[in-house]
């Protein structure tokens, strides 16, 4: 091949590299990824990272759930618990699944009963407390913040009214 042909090949390769580089720069300018505020999936028993520990310390206080319970809809709460039914049962005398049966949970003790369900040590640290509406509000908002190291991998419900609806539904299970 003549030097003129080699010049064409080299020019073609350089042009392709320049086009790829410009395309990369433009794509980074158009799409700016944002880091996640919290992990999408938390592995059960995994130690909390320092970033999540800092976020837990800086987490805002939850608004009281009692005023929202006044306008809560247990039917909406039941619909919101559809995702919970993969791991929990909501029937009287129902068997435990991956998580305990939640029938009559409101007012009941934390990490006790439920046909000797094996609760995590994170929840057992709360023994002696009751599942009142405010405690359930904290749990439903962020289970990992309420009991760091819990086996439950649910990320939580960010909307206060949705938590109130779920708590109202759970109160109706007596």
Protein backbone atom coordinates (compact mmCIF):
# COMPACT_ATOMS: atom_id res chain seq x y z
CA UNK A 1 0.00 0.00 0.00
CA UNK A 2 1.15 3.48 -0.74
CA UNK A 3 1.67 6.10 1.92
CA UNK A 4 -1.40 7.93 0.62
CA UNK A 5 -3.54 4.83 1.38
CA UNK A 6 -2.04 4.56 4.87
CA UNK A 7 -2.85 8.22 5.48
CA UNK A 8 -6.51 7.53 4.58
CA UNK A 9 -6.68 4.56 6.99
CA UNK A 10 -5.09 6.50 9.85
CA UNK A 11 -7.34 9.52 9.17
CA UNK A 12 -10.42 7.25 9.23
CA UNK A 13 -9.41 5.72 12.58
CA UNK A 14 -8.65 9.11 14.11
CA UNK A 15 -11.97 10.51 12.82
CA UNK A 16 -13.86 7.57 14.36
CA UNK A 17 -12.07 8.10 17.71
CA UNK A 18 -12.84 11.82 17.70
CA UNK A 19 -16.52 11.15 16.91
CA UNK A 20 -16.70 8.60 19.76
CA UNK A 21 -15.05 11.03 22.18
CA UNK A 22 -17.41 13.90 21.22
CA UNK A 23 -20.41 11.57 21.52
CA UNK A 24 -19.27 10.57 25.03
CA UNK A 25 -18.85 14.18 26.10
CA UNK A 26 -22.27 15.14 24.71
CA UNK A 27 -23.98 12.16 26.36
CA UNK A 28 -22.48 13.08 29.74
CA UNK A 29 -23.74 16.63 29.30
CA UNK A 30 -27.26 15.44 28.43
CA UNK A 31 -27.64 12.74 31.09
CA UNK A 32 -26.39 13.50 34.59
CA UNK A 33 -26.88 10.50 36.90
CA UNK A 34 -27.78 11.26 40.52
CA UNK A 35 -26.46 9.09 43.35
CA UNK A 36 -29.12 7.16 45.25
CA UNK A 37 -30.19 8.58 48.61
CA UNK A 38 -30.49 5.09 50.08
CA UNK A 39 -29.84 1.58 48.79
CA UNK A 40 -32.56 0.09 46.60
CA UNK A 41 -32.02 -3.37 48.03
CA UNK A 42 -30.61 -4.05 51.46
CA UNK A 43 -29.13 -7.48 52.11
CA UNK A 44 -30.43 -9.00 55.34
CA UNK A 45 -27.78 -8.96 58.04
CA UNK A 46 -25.40 -6.76 56.07
CA UNK A 47 -23.61 -4.18 58.18
CA UNK A 48 -24.78 -0.63 57.62
CA UNK A 49 -22.42 1.45 55.55
CA UNK A 50 -21.03 4.65 57.01
CA UNK A 51 -23.08 6.66 54.49
CA UNK A 52 -26.32 5.01 55.57
CA UNK A 53 -25.38 5.47 59.23
CA UNK A 54 -24.84 9.19 58.60
CA UNK A 55 -28.16 9.38 56.78
CA UNK A 56 -29.93 7.64 59.66
CA UNK A 57 -28.45 10.14 62.11
CA UNK A 58 -29.47 13.03 59.89
CA UNK A 59 -32.90 11.60 59.05
CA UNK A 60 -35.75 14.03 59.63
CA UNK A 61 -38.21 13.41 62.44
CA UNK A 62 -41.49 11.90 61.32
CA UNK A 63 -44.63 13.89 61.73
CA UNK A 64 -47.09 12.42 64.27
CA UNK A 65 -49.35 9.84 62.66
CA UNK A 66 -52.36 10.34 64.99
CA UNK A 67 -53.82 13.35 63.09
CA UNK A 68 -53.51 11.45 59.80
CA UNK A 69 -55.30 8.41 61.26
CA UNK A 70 -58.44 10.55 61.57
CA UNK A 71 -58.76 10.62 57.78
CA UNK A 72 -57.15 7.25 57.06
CA UNK A 73 -58.86 4.74 54.77
CA UNK A 74 -58.42 1.08 55.76
CA UNK A 75 -59.37 -0.04 52.22
CA UNK A 76 -56.45 1.96 50.80
CA UNK A 77 -54.28 0.51 53.55
CA UNK A 78 -55.30 -3.00 52.60
CA UNK A 79 -54.42 -2.25 48.97
CA UNK A 80 -51.02 -0.90 50.05
CA UNK A 81 -50.27 -4.15 51.90
CA UNK A 82 -50.41 -6.22 48.71
CA UNK A 83 -46.62 -6.06 48.48
CA UNK A 84 -46.38 -7.18 52.12
CA UNK A 85 -48.38 -10.33 51.44
CA UNK A 86 -45.37 -11.92 49.76
CA UNK A 87 -43.78 -12.29 53.21
CA UNK A 88 -46.64 -11.74 55.69
CA UNK A 89 -50.06 -13.21 56.35
CA UNK A 90 -52.98 -11.00 57.43
CA UNK A 91 -55.50 -13.67 58.44
CA UNK A 92 -56.59 -14.68 61.93
CA UNK A 93 -54.62 -17.73 62.96
CA UNK A 94 -52.70 -17.61 59.69
CA UNK A 95 -49.34 -19.31 59.41
CA UNK A 96 -46.12 -17.37 59.48
CA UNK A 97 -44.37 -16.94 56.16
CA UNK A 98 -40.92 -15.40 55.75
CA UNK A 99 -42.27 -12.79 58.16
CA UNK A 100 -44.77 -13.24 61.00
CA UNK A 101 -48.56 -13.21 60.68
CA UNK A 102 -49.71 -9.61 61.21
CA UNK A 103 -53.26 -10.28 62.44
CA UNK A 104 -53.81 -8.29 65.65
CA UNK A 105 -50.33 -6.74 65.56
CA UNK A 106 -51.45 -3.28 66.73
CA UNK A 107 -51.12 -3.09 70.51
CA UNK A 108 -49.19 -6.36 70.62
CA UNK A 109 -45.65 -6.80 71.89
CA UNK A 110 -42.67 -6.32 69.59
CA UNK A 111 -40.70 -9.49 68.72
CA UNK A 112 -42.84 -11.82 70.83
CA UNK A 113 -45.42 -14.48 70.12
CA UNK A 114 -46.47 -15.33 66.57
CA UNK A 115 -46.04 -19.09 67.05
CA UNK A 116 -42.39 -18.79 68.09
CA UNK A 117 -41.37 -16.88 64.96
CA UNK A 118 -37.59 -16.35 64.87
CA UNK A 119 -37.30 -12.57 65.11
CA UNK A 120 -34.02 -10.84 64.34
CA UNK A 121 -31.84 -9.70 67.22
CA UNK A 122 -32.41 -6.14 65.98
CA UNK A 123 -36.14 -6.46 66.70
CA UNK A 124 -35.59 -8.42 69.91
CA UNK A 125 -33.75 -5.35 71.20
CA UNK A 126 -37.21 -3.70 71.26
CA UNK A 127 -38.82 -6.40 73.44
CA UNK A 128 -41.03 -4.91 76.09
CA UNK A 129 -42.36 -2.27 73.71
CA UNK A 130 -45.74 -2.40 71.98
CA UNK A 131 -46.69 -1.89 68.34
CA UNK A 132 -48.68 1.32 68.87
CA UNK A 133 -49.52 3.59 65.90
CA UNK A 134 -46.49 5.85 66.44
CA UNK A 135 -44.10 2.89 66.65
CA UNK A 136 -45.66 1.35 63.54
CA UNK A 137 -45.25 4.72 61.81
CA UNK A 138 -41.52 4.68 62.52
CA UNK A 139 -41.23 1.04 61.41
CA UNK A 140 -43.18 1.51 58.19
CA UNK A 141 -41.27 4.67 57.31
CA UNK A 142 -37.87 2.97 57.52
CA UNK A 143 -37.48 -0.50 59.08
CA UNK A 144 -33.67 -0.36 58.85
CA UNK A 145 -33.59 2.92 60.78
CA UNK A 146 -36.03 1.65 63.45
CA UNK A 147 -34.11 -1.61 63.98
CA UNK A 148 -30.69 -1.49 62.29
CA UNK A 149 -29.78 -4.99 61.13
CA UNK A 150 -33.34 -6.29 60.90
CA UNK A 151 -33.95 -9.20 58.54
CA UNK A 152 -36.73 -7.26 56.80
CA UNK A 153 -35.44 -5.82 53.53
CA UNK A 154 -38.45 -3.57 52.86
CA UNK A 155 -37.23 -0.04 52.13
CA UNK A 156 -40.18 1.69 53.79
CA UNK A 157 -43.16 3.87 52.87
CA UNK A 158 -42.18 7.49 52.33
CA UNK A 159 -45.75 8.88 52.24
CA UNK A 160 -47.21 9.60 55.69
CA UNK A 161 -50.83 9.22 54.57
CA UNK A 162 -50.10 5.81 53.05
CA UNK A 163 -48.56 4.72 56.38
CA UNK A 164 -51.64 6.01 58.19
CA UNK A 165 -53.89 4.01 55.84
CA UNK A 166 -51.86 0.85 56.49
CA UNK A 167 -51.91 1.39 60.26
CA UNK A 168 -55.68 1.95 60.13
CA UNK A 169 -56.03 -1.31 58.18
CA UNK A 170 -53.85 -3.15 60.71
CA UNK A 171 -55.99 -1.73 63.56
CA UNK A 172 -59.06 -3.22 61.90
CA UNK A 173 -57.54 -6.72 62.09
CA UNK A 174 -58.85 -7.79 65.52
